[in-house]
Amino acid sequence: MDPWVRDGAEEPLEQWPTTEQRPVGHWSVAEVGSWLAARGWAGDLVEVARDHHVSGRVLLRVTEGTLQRMGVTPGGRRRDLLRDVLRLRLQQELRDLLSIAAGEPSPHGPGTRGAVGARAGRCSASPLSPE
């Protein structure tokens, strides 16, 4: 099964806002605005993201409380946005894992482990690991 297709669906997953397909954590505030607009979010939400300087790195860490403090209402709208952000996080994780499996350098730059590797680096060693 093609990893870029939703389970059981024939349409490809959402594309990145730029043709360079940069990692989400490297997105600028403008690229986040483009992503929000492409997902159909109203212009006021794009403005809120811009006013609060929401870069890709910030977007990946946003919570319902963060959105509430930023003035995103009602609660259902916050949850819908969080669902889209979660989907974006999962896409980024999948791209990172596929890059690692293919032996490609980290898309996050030389000497970095990326989102997946950074989390793995904080985990305790497996009892099966040679460390």
Protein backbone atom coordinates (compact mmCIF):
# COMPACT_ATOMS: atom_id res chain seq x y z
CA MET A 1 0.00 0.00 0.00
CA ASP A 2 1.27 3.44 -0.89
CA PRO A 3 2.18 5.23 2.40
CA TRP A 4 1.04 8.58 0.98
CA VAL A 5 -2.54 7.37 0.58
CA ARG A 6 -5.01 7.22 3.43
CA ASP A 7 -6.04 3.78 4.56
CA GLY A 8 -8.75 2.68 2.15
CA ALA A 9 -8.81 5.98 0.27
CA GLU A 10 -7.59 6.70 -3.21
CA GLU A 11 -6.69 10.35 -2.77
CA PRO A 12 -3.16 11.33 -1.70
CA LEU A 13 -2.57 12.92 1.67
CA GLU A 14 -2.37 16.71 1.87
CA GLN A 15 0.68 18.20 0.26
CA TRP A 16 3.12 20.55 1.94
CA PRO A 17 2.60 24.27 1.29
CA THR A 18 5.80 24.59 -0.73
CA THR A 19 7.21 22.63 -3.62
CA GLU A 20 10.43 22.14 -1.65
CA GLN A 21 8.60 19.82 0.78
CA ARG A 22 10.47 21.21 3.74
CA PRO A 23 9.95 19.59 7.14
CA VAL A 24 7.05 21.20 8.98
CA GLY A 25 9.33 22.29 11.81
CA HIS A 26 11.16 24.53 9.31
CA TRP A 27 8.05 26.29 8.03
CA SER A 28 7.90 30.06 8.29
CA VAL A 29 4.89 31.94 9.64
CA ALA A 30 3.83 32.59 6.02
CA GLU A 31 4.03 28.87 5.17
CA VAL A 32 1.85 28.04 8.18
CA GLY A 33 -0.64 30.62 6.92
CA SER A 34 -0.58 28.99 3.49
CA TRP A 35 -1.19 25.58 5.03
CA LEU A 36 -4.11 26.91 7.09
CA ALA A 37 -5.63 28.59 4.03
CA ALA A 38 -5.16 25.44 1.92
CA ARG A 39 -6.98 23.43 4.61
CA GLY A 40 -9.95 25.81 4.33
CA TRP A 41 -9.51 27.64 7.61
CA ALA A 42 -11.03 31.12 7.68
CA GLY A 43 -8.88 34.19 7.14
CA ASP A 44 -9.22 35.21 10.79
CA LEU A 45 -7.39 32.07 11.87
CA VAL A 46 -4.59 32.79 9.41
CA GLU A 47 -4.38 36.29 10.93
CA VAL A 48 -4.31 34.89 14.48
CA ALA A 49 -1.45 32.57 13.50
CA ARG A 50 0.42 35.48 11.94
CA ASP A 51 -0.21 37.80 14.90
CA HIS A 52 1.11 35.15 17.30
CA HIS A 53 4.10 34.31 15.06
CA VAL A 54 3.10 30.66 14.65
CA SER A 55 5.90 28.98 12.73
CA GLY A 56 5.90 25.31 11.79
CA ARG A 57 7.78 24.45 14.94
CA VAL A 58 5.16 26.21 17.06
CA LEU A 59 2.30 24.68 15.06
CA LEU A 60 3.52 21.16 15.83
CA ARG A 61 3.41 21.95 19.57
CA VAL A 62 0.09 23.77 19.73
CA THR A 63 -2.49 22.53 22.27
CA GLU A 64 -6.14 23.27 22.87
CA GLY A 65 -5.14 25.58 25.74
CA THR A 66 -2.74 27.45 23.46
CA LEU A 67 -5.45 27.94 20.86
CA GLN A 68 -7.90 29.10 23.53
CA ARG A 69 -5.39 31.69 24.83
CA MET A 70 -4.88 32.84 21.24
CA GLY A 71 -8.62 33.49 21.02
CA VAL A 72 -9.64 30.59 18.76
CA THR A 73 -13.29 29.86 19.51
CA PRO A 74 -15.52 27.87 19.74
CA GLY A 75 -14.11 24.69 21.28
CA GLY A 76 -15.25 22.55 18.34
CA ARG A 77 -13.20 24.71 16.00
CA ARG A 78 -10.11 24.27 18.20
CA ARG A 79 -10.57 20.49 18.20
CA ASP A 80 -11.00 20.41 14.42
CA LEU A 81 -7.80 22.41 13.99
CA LEU A 82 -5.97 20.15 16.45
CA ARG A 83 -7.13 17.15 14.41
CA ASP A 84 -5.58 18.71 11.29
CA VAL A 85 -2.37 19.48 13.20
CA LEU A 86 -2.23 15.90 14.49
CA ARG A 87 -2.59 14.63 10.93
CA LEU A 88 0.25 16.95 9.92
CA ARG A 89 2.43 15.65 12.79
CA LEU A 90 1.76 12.08 11.75
CA GLN A 91 2.65 12.86 8.14
CA GLN A 92 5.92 14.41 9.30
CA GLU A 93 6.69 11.40 11.49
CA LEU A 94 5.96 9.05 8.58
CA ARG A 95 8.24 11.00 6.25
CA ASP A 96 11.00 10.97 8.89
CA LEU A 97 10.65 7.23 9.45
CA LEU A 98 10.67 6.47 5.74
CA SER A 99 13.79 8.62 5.31
CA ILE A 100 15.51 6.78 8.14
CA ALA A 101 14.50 3.40 6.72
CA ALA A 102 15.84 4.41 3.30
CA GLY A 103 19.15 5.48 4.85
CA GLU A 104 18.69 9.08 3.73
CA PRO A 105 20.22 11.95 5.71
CA SER A 106 17.96 13.65 8.22
CA PRO A 107 15.56 16.11 6.56
CA HIS A 108 16.15 18.33 9.59
CA GLY A 109 19.76 19.01 8.65
CA PRO A 110 23.15 17.43 9.23
CA GLY A 111 23.83 16.15 12.71
CA THR A 112 20.19 16.24 13.78
CA ARG A 113 17.92 13.37 14.54
CA GLY A 114 14.61 15.02 13.69
CA ALA A 115 11.36 14.63 15.58
CA VAL A 116 11.40 10.84 15.68
CA GLY A 117 15.07 10.50 16.56
CA ALA A 118 14.91 13.21 19.19
CA ARG A 119 12.14 11.35 21.00
CA ALA A 120 13.94 8.06 20.65
CA GLY A 121 17.10 9.66 22.04
CA ARG A 122 15.29 10.52 25.26
CA CYS A 123 14.03 6.97 25.80
CA SER A 124 15.90 4.59 28.04
CA ALA A 125 17.96 1.95 26.32
CA SER A 126 16.24 -1.26 25.42
CA PRO A 127 17.34 -4.32 27.38
CA LEU A 128 18.20 -5.83 23.99
CA SER A 129 20.42 -2.96 22.89
CA PRO A 130 24.21 -3.45 23.08
CA GLU A 131 24.63 -0.25 25.13
